[in-house]
N, C-alpha and C. Protein backbone atom coordinates (compact mmCIF):
# COMPACT_ATOMS: atom_id res chain seq x y z
N MET A 1 9.76 20.68 -12.17
CA MET A 1 8.45 20.51 -11.53
C MET A 1 8.40 19.35 -10.67
N ILE A 2 7.83 19.48 -9.55
CA ILE A 2 7.69 18.42 -8.54
C ILE A 2 6.48 17.59 -8.91
N LYS A 3 6.68 16.22 -8.95
CA LYS A 3 5.56 15.44 -9.33
C LYS A 3 4.64 15.26 -8.12
N GLU A 4 3.40 15.43 -8.33
CA GLU A 4 2.42 15.20 -7.34
C GLU A 4 2.27 13.76 -6.95
N GLU A 5 2.26 13.48 -5.67
CA GLU A 5 2.20 12.15 -5.31
C GLU A 5 0.75 11.64 -5.60
N THR A 6 0.73 10.39 -6.23
CA THR A 6 -0.62 9.87 -6.58
C THR A 6 -1.18 8.88 -5.54
N VAL A 7 -0.30 8.67 -4.47
CA VAL A 7 -0.77 7.69 -3.42
C VAL A 7 -1.07 8.43 -2.13
N PRO A 8 -2.26 8.57 -1.65
CA PRO A 8 -2.60 9.29 -0.52
C PRO A 8 -2.18 8.48 0.76
N GLU A 9 -1.81 9.30 1.88
CA GLU A 9 -1.46 8.77 3.09
C GLU A 9 -2.74 8.78 3.90
N LEU A 10 -2.97 7.53 4.40
CA LEU A 10 -4.27 7.40 5.12
C LEU A 10 -4.15 7.44 6.66
N THR A 11 -5.12 7.94 7.29
CA THR A 11 -5.09 7.96 8.76
C THR A 11 -6.32 7.11 9.19
N ASN A 12 -6.52 6.98 10.51
CA ASN A 12 -7.56 6.17 11.08
C ASN A 12 -8.88 6.48 10.54
N GLY A 13 -9.12 7.74 10.39
CA GLY A 13 -10.51 8.20 10.04
C GLY A 13 -10.92 7.76 8.54
N GLU A 14 -9.99 7.56 7.70
CA GLU A 14 -10.35 7.35 6.31
C GLU A 14 -10.03 5.95 5.87
N PHE A 15 -9.19 5.24 6.68
CA PHE A 15 -8.67 3.85 6.23
C PHE A 15 -9.79 2.89 5.85
N ASP A 16 -10.70 2.74 6.83
CA ASP A 16 -11.77 1.71 6.56
C ASP A 16 -12.54 1.97 5.36
N GLU A 17 -12.89 3.24 5.13
CA GLU A 17 -13.69 3.65 3.95
C GLU A 17 -12.95 3.41 2.71
N PHE A 18 -11.59 3.67 2.75
CA PHE A 18 -10.67 3.57 1.64
C PHE A 18 -10.63 2.07 1.05
N ILE A 19 -10.58 1.16 2.02
CA ILE A 19 -10.32 -0.27 1.61
C ILE A 19 -11.63 -1.00 1.44
N LYS A 20 -12.78 -0.38 1.61
CA LYS A 20 -14.12 -1.14 1.66
C LYS A 20 -14.39 -1.81 0.29
N LYS A 21 -14.16 -1.09 -0.79
CA LYS A 21 -14.63 -1.60 -2.07
C LYS A 21 -13.48 -1.89 -3.09
N GLY A 22 -13.56 -2.99 -3.80
CA GLY A 22 -12.55 -3.33 -4.88
C GLY A 22 -11.27 -3.79 -4.29
N VAL A 23 -10.31 -3.78 -5.24
CA VAL A 23 -8.96 -4.28 -4.88
C VAL A 23 -8.17 -3.06 -4.44
N VAL A 24 -7.53 -3.15 -3.35
CA VAL A 24 -6.75 -1.93 -2.73
C VAL A 24 -5.46 -2.44 -2.24
N LEU A 25 -4.41 -1.73 -2.69
CA LEU A 25 -2.97 -1.96 -2.10
C LEU A 25 -2.73 -0.93 -1.13
N ILE A 26 -2.20 -1.40 0.05
CA ILE A 26 -1.81 -0.41 1.03
C ILE A 26 -0.37 -0.72 1.43
N ASP A 27 0.37 0.32 1.32
CA ASP A 27 1.85 0.33 1.64
C ASP A 27 2.09 0.84 3.03
N PHE A 28 2.49 -0.05 3.98
CA PHE A 28 2.80 0.27 5.27
C PHE A 28 4.31 0.65 5.26
N PHE A 29 4.67 1.85 5.74
CA PHE A 29 6.03 2.27 5.68
C PHE A 29 6.44 3.22 6.76
N ALA A 30 7.69 3.63 6.75
CA ALA A 30 8.11 4.61 7.75
C ALA A 30 9.21 5.57 7.02
N GLU A 31 9.25 6.78 7.36
CA GLU A 31 10.09 7.72 6.64
C GLU A 31 11.65 7.30 6.96
N TRP A 32 11.87 6.58 8.03
CA TRP A 32 13.23 6.35 8.43
C TRP A 32 13.63 5.01 7.85
N CYS A 33 12.84 4.28 7.12
CA CYS A 33 13.09 2.87 6.58
C CYS A 33 13.53 3.01 5.24
N MET A 34 14.92 2.67 4.96
CA MET A 34 15.45 2.80 3.69
C MET A 34 14.80 1.88 2.70
N PRO A 35 14.52 0.60 2.97
CA PRO A 35 13.77 -0.23 1.99
C PRO A 35 12.46 0.37 1.64
N CYS A 36 11.78 0.96 2.64
CA CYS A 36 10.46 1.56 2.32
C CYS A 36 10.61 2.77 1.32
N LEU A 37 11.73 3.57 1.46
CA LEU A 37 11.94 4.70 0.55
C LEU A 37 12.28 4.12 -0.87
N MET A 38 12.87 2.98 -0.92
CA MET A 38 13.31 2.42 -2.18
C MET A 38 12.01 1.87 -2.83
N MET A 39 11.06 1.54 -2.12
CA MET A 39 9.73 0.95 -2.58
C MET A 39 8.85 2.07 -3.18
N SER A 40 9.02 3.28 -2.59
CA SER A 40 8.07 4.35 -2.83
C SER A 40 7.86 4.66 -4.33
N PRO A 41 8.91 4.70 -5.18
CA PRO A 41 8.72 4.98 -6.65
C PRO A 41 7.97 3.73 -7.24
N ILE A 42 8.17 2.59 -6.82
CA ILE A 42 7.53 1.35 -7.36
C ILE A 42 6.01 1.53 -7.05
N ILE A 43 5.68 1.88 -5.80
CA ILE A 43 4.28 2.05 -5.38
C ILE A 43 3.67 3.14 -6.25
N GLU A 44 4.37 4.23 -6.39
CA GLU A 44 3.76 5.31 -7.21
C GLU A 44 3.55 4.87 -8.61
N ASP A 45 4.52 4.17 -9.27
CA ASP A 45 4.41 3.59 -10.55
C ASP A 45 3.11 2.71 -10.72
N ILE A 46 2.96 1.82 -9.75
CA ILE A 46 1.89 0.83 -9.78
C ILE A 46 0.57 1.69 -9.81
N ALA A 47 0.59 2.64 -8.84
CA ALA A 47 -0.72 3.50 -8.55
C ALA A 47 -1.05 4.16 -10.00
N GLU A 48 -0.13 4.70 -10.65
CA GLU A 48 -0.31 5.32 -11.91
C GLU A 48 -0.72 4.27 -13.02
N LYS A 49 0.07 3.19 -13.11
CA LYS A 49 -0.28 2.21 -14.13
C LYS A 49 -1.56 1.51 -14.02
N MET A 50 -1.96 1.31 -12.73
CA MET A 50 -3.22 0.47 -12.54
C MET A 50 -4.31 1.23 -12.00
N LYS A 51 -4.29 2.63 -12.15
CA LYS A 51 -5.39 3.46 -11.55
C LYS A 51 -6.76 3.19 -11.79
N SER A 52 -7.01 2.70 -13.05
CA SER A 52 -8.40 2.32 -13.43
C SER A 52 -8.83 1.08 -12.75
N LYS A 53 -7.94 0.19 -12.22
CA LYS A 53 -8.30 -1.15 -11.72
C LYS A 53 -8.21 -1.19 -10.15
N ILE A 54 -7.33 -0.59 -9.61
CA ILE A 54 -7.23 -0.65 -8.09
C ILE A 54 -6.90 0.66 -7.46
N LYS A 55 -7.11 0.78 -6.23
CA LYS A 55 -6.71 1.86 -5.50
C LYS A 55 -5.49 1.55 -4.66
N VAL A 56 -4.75 2.64 -4.45
CA VAL A 56 -3.39 2.50 -3.77
C VAL A 56 -3.39 3.52 -2.64
N GLY A 57 -2.97 3.17 -1.43
CA GLY A 57 -2.77 4.17 -0.37
C GLY A 57 -1.58 3.74 0.48
N LYS A 58 -1.23 4.62 1.38
CA LYS A 58 -0.15 4.26 2.23
C LYS A 58 -0.41 4.67 3.72
N VAL A 59 0.24 3.96 4.60
CA VAL A 59 0.05 4.15 6.05
C VAL A 59 1.49 4.37 6.62
N ASN A 60 1.76 5.46 7.28
CA ASN A 60 3.02 5.58 7.96
C ASN A 60 2.75 4.88 9.35
N VAL A 61 3.64 3.84 9.60
CA VAL A 61 3.39 3.14 10.84
C VAL A 61 3.58 3.91 12.03
N ASP A 62 4.43 5.02 11.96
CA ASP A 62 4.68 5.90 13.09
C ASP A 62 3.48 6.67 13.49
N ASP A 63 2.62 7.07 12.45
CA ASP A 63 1.49 7.82 12.71
C ASP A 63 0.24 6.94 12.77
N GLY A 64 0.27 5.85 12.14
CA GLY A 64 -0.93 4.88 12.04
C GLY A 64 -0.69 3.67 12.78
N GLN A 65 -0.13 3.72 13.98
CA GLN A 65 0.16 2.49 14.82
C GLN A 65 -1.08 1.62 15.06
N ASP A 66 -2.22 2.19 15.27
CA ASP A 66 -3.45 1.34 15.44
C ASP A 66 -3.77 0.56 14.15
N ILE A 67 -3.69 1.14 13.06
CA ILE A 67 -3.96 0.50 11.78
C ILE A 67 -2.89 -0.69 11.62
N ALA A 68 -1.57 -0.27 11.78
CA ALA A 68 -0.55 -1.36 11.62
C ALA A 68 -0.73 -2.52 12.63
N ARG A 69 -1.11 -2.23 13.85
CA ARG A 69 -1.27 -3.21 14.89
C ARG A 69 -2.51 -4.16 14.39
N LYS A 70 -3.57 -3.56 13.96
CA LYS A 70 -4.81 -4.25 13.55
C LYS A 70 -4.52 -5.31 12.42
N PHE A 71 -3.47 -4.94 11.58
CA PHE A 71 -3.21 -5.95 10.53
C PHE A 71 -1.89 -6.71 10.74
N GLY A 72 -1.35 -6.63 12.09
CA GLY A 72 -0.25 -7.39 12.42
C GLY A 72 1.11 -7.04 11.72
N VAL A 73 1.23 -5.76 11.31
CA VAL A 73 2.33 -5.19 10.57
C VAL A 73 3.52 -5.11 11.64
N SER A 74 4.43 -5.98 11.60
CA SER A 74 5.61 -5.74 12.48
C SER A 74 7.00 -5.48 11.77
N SER A 75 6.98 -5.78 10.41
CA SER A 75 8.08 -5.50 9.63
C SER A 75 7.66 -4.67 8.42
N ILE A 76 8.57 -3.79 8.06
CA ILE A 76 8.27 -2.98 6.92
C ILE A 76 9.44 -2.93 5.96
N PRO A 77 9.23 -2.65 4.62
CA PRO A 77 7.97 -2.35 3.96
C PRO A 77 7.02 -3.60 4.00
N ASN A 78 5.75 -3.39 4.18
CA ASN A 78 4.70 -4.25 4.23
C ASN A 78 3.64 -3.88 3.42
N LEU A 79 3.32 -4.59 2.37
CA LEU A 79 2.35 -4.32 1.37
C LEU A 79 1.13 -5.31 1.63
N ILE A 80 -0.10 -4.77 1.93
CA ILE A 80 -1.27 -5.58 1.99
C ILE A 80 -2.25 -5.37 0.89
N ILE A 81 -2.68 -6.40 0.31
CA ILE A 81 -3.77 -6.27 -0.80
C ILE A 81 -5.02 -6.69 -0.13
N PHE A 82 -6.00 -5.79 -0.26
CA PHE A 82 -7.33 -6.00 0.29
C PHE A 82 -8.32 -6.18 -0.86
N LYS A 83 -9.34 -7.00 -0.67
CA LYS A 83 -10.39 -7.04 -1.69
C LYS A 83 -11.64 -6.91 -0.92
N ASN A 84 -12.46 -5.87 -1.25
CA ASN A 84 -13.77 -5.52 -0.44
C ASN A 84 -13.60 -5.55 1.06
N GLY A 85 -12.42 -4.94 1.45
CA GLY A 85 -12.22 -4.76 2.92
C GLY A 85 -11.50 -5.93 3.64
N LYS A 86 -11.20 -6.96 2.95
CA LYS A 86 -10.54 -8.09 3.53
C LYS A 86 -9.23 -8.39 2.93
N VAL A 87 -8.30 -8.82 3.82
CA VAL A 87 -6.91 -8.95 3.52
C VAL A 87 -6.82 -10.28 2.54
N ILE A 88 -6.25 -10.17 1.34
CA ILE A 88 -6.15 -11.30 0.50
C ILE A 88 -4.74 -11.73 0.33
N GLU A 89 -3.79 -10.79 0.53
CA GLU A 89 -2.39 -11.07 0.38
C GLU A 89 -1.51 -10.14 1.17
N ASN A 90 -0.43 -10.51 1.82
CA ASN A 90 0.44 -9.68 2.58
C ASN A 90 1.90 -9.96 2.10
N LEU A 91 2.58 -8.86 1.63
CA LEU A 91 3.86 -8.99 1.11
C LEU A 91 4.77 -8.26 1.91
N VAL A 92 5.80 -8.87 2.52
CA VAL A 92 6.75 -8.24 3.44
C VAL A 92 8.06 -8.07 2.71
N GLY A 93 8.63 -6.89 2.78
CA GLY A 93 9.99 -6.69 2.14
C GLY A 93 9.79 -6.09 0.82
N GLY A 94 10.84 -5.88 0.18
CA GLY A 94 10.93 -5.24 -1.25
C GLY A 94 10.43 -6.25 -2.27
N ILE A 95 9.87 -5.69 -3.30
CA ILE A 95 9.34 -6.49 -4.42
C ILE A 95 9.46 -5.68 -5.69
N SER A 96 9.70 -6.30 -6.82
CA SER A 96 9.91 -5.43 -8.01
C SER A 96 8.50 -5.02 -8.54
N SER A 97 8.49 -4.02 -9.42
CA SER A 97 7.30 -3.41 -9.94
C SER A 97 6.54 -4.50 -10.77
N ASP A 98 7.23 -5.32 -11.55
CA ASP A 98 6.66 -6.32 -12.28
C ASP A 98 6.03 -7.41 -11.44
N ASP A 99 6.70 -7.86 -10.39
CA ASP A 99 6.20 -8.87 -9.58
C ASP A 99 4.96 -8.37 -8.83
N LEU A 100 5.02 -7.13 -8.39
CA LEU A 100 3.87 -6.53 -7.65
C LEU A 100 2.67 -6.51 -8.63
N GLU A 101 2.87 -6.07 -9.75
CA GLU A 101 1.87 -5.93 -10.79
C GLU A 101 1.20 -7.20 -11.10
N ASP A 102 2.03 -8.37 -11.21
CA ASP A 102 1.48 -9.62 -11.48
C ASP A 102 0.64 -10.03 -10.28
N LYS A 103 1.09 -9.84 -9.02
CA LYS A 103 0.33 -10.31 -7.93
C LYS A 103 -1.01 -9.53 -7.79
N LEU A 104 -0.99 -8.23 -8.24
CA LEU A 104 -2.31 -7.44 -8.10
C LEU A 104 -3.20 -7.92 -9.27
N LYS A 105 -2.75 -8.27 -10.45
CA LYS A 105 -3.53 -8.69 -11.50
C LYS A 105 -4.29 -9.99 -11.24
N LYS A 106 -3.66 -10.74 -10.34
CA LYS A 106 -4.37 -12.05 -9.96
C LYS A 106 -5.74 -11.76 -9.25
N HIS A 107 -5.77 -10.64 -8.71
CA HIS A 107 -6.91 -10.41 -7.73
C HIS A 107 -8.02 -9.52 -8.34
N ILE A 108 -7.67 -8.93 -9.60
CA ILE A 108 -8.60 -7.99 -10.28
C ILE A 108 -9.67 -8.75 -10.92
């Protein structure tokens, strides 16, 4: 059975609304980026583990260039943590599930 993805891919139309309230983790990625693909299960795991506390979404930088540009995303994987629509932390490169969870817990 194929596991349904718990992390929605966001477009320009829904991004601002998605990050508006609470703590939100956004994964900026590309399908051709090997480190991004390696981060994907970690992002899914965090989304599942912390679903009652945070929202998690992702933006494909090839499709969402405007969003990526708006937040200065030039290297991927790039994880941005928002709180009530404002950037509170920016993580570039790979990160372990435990480290990511610890960083998110600081902002909840």
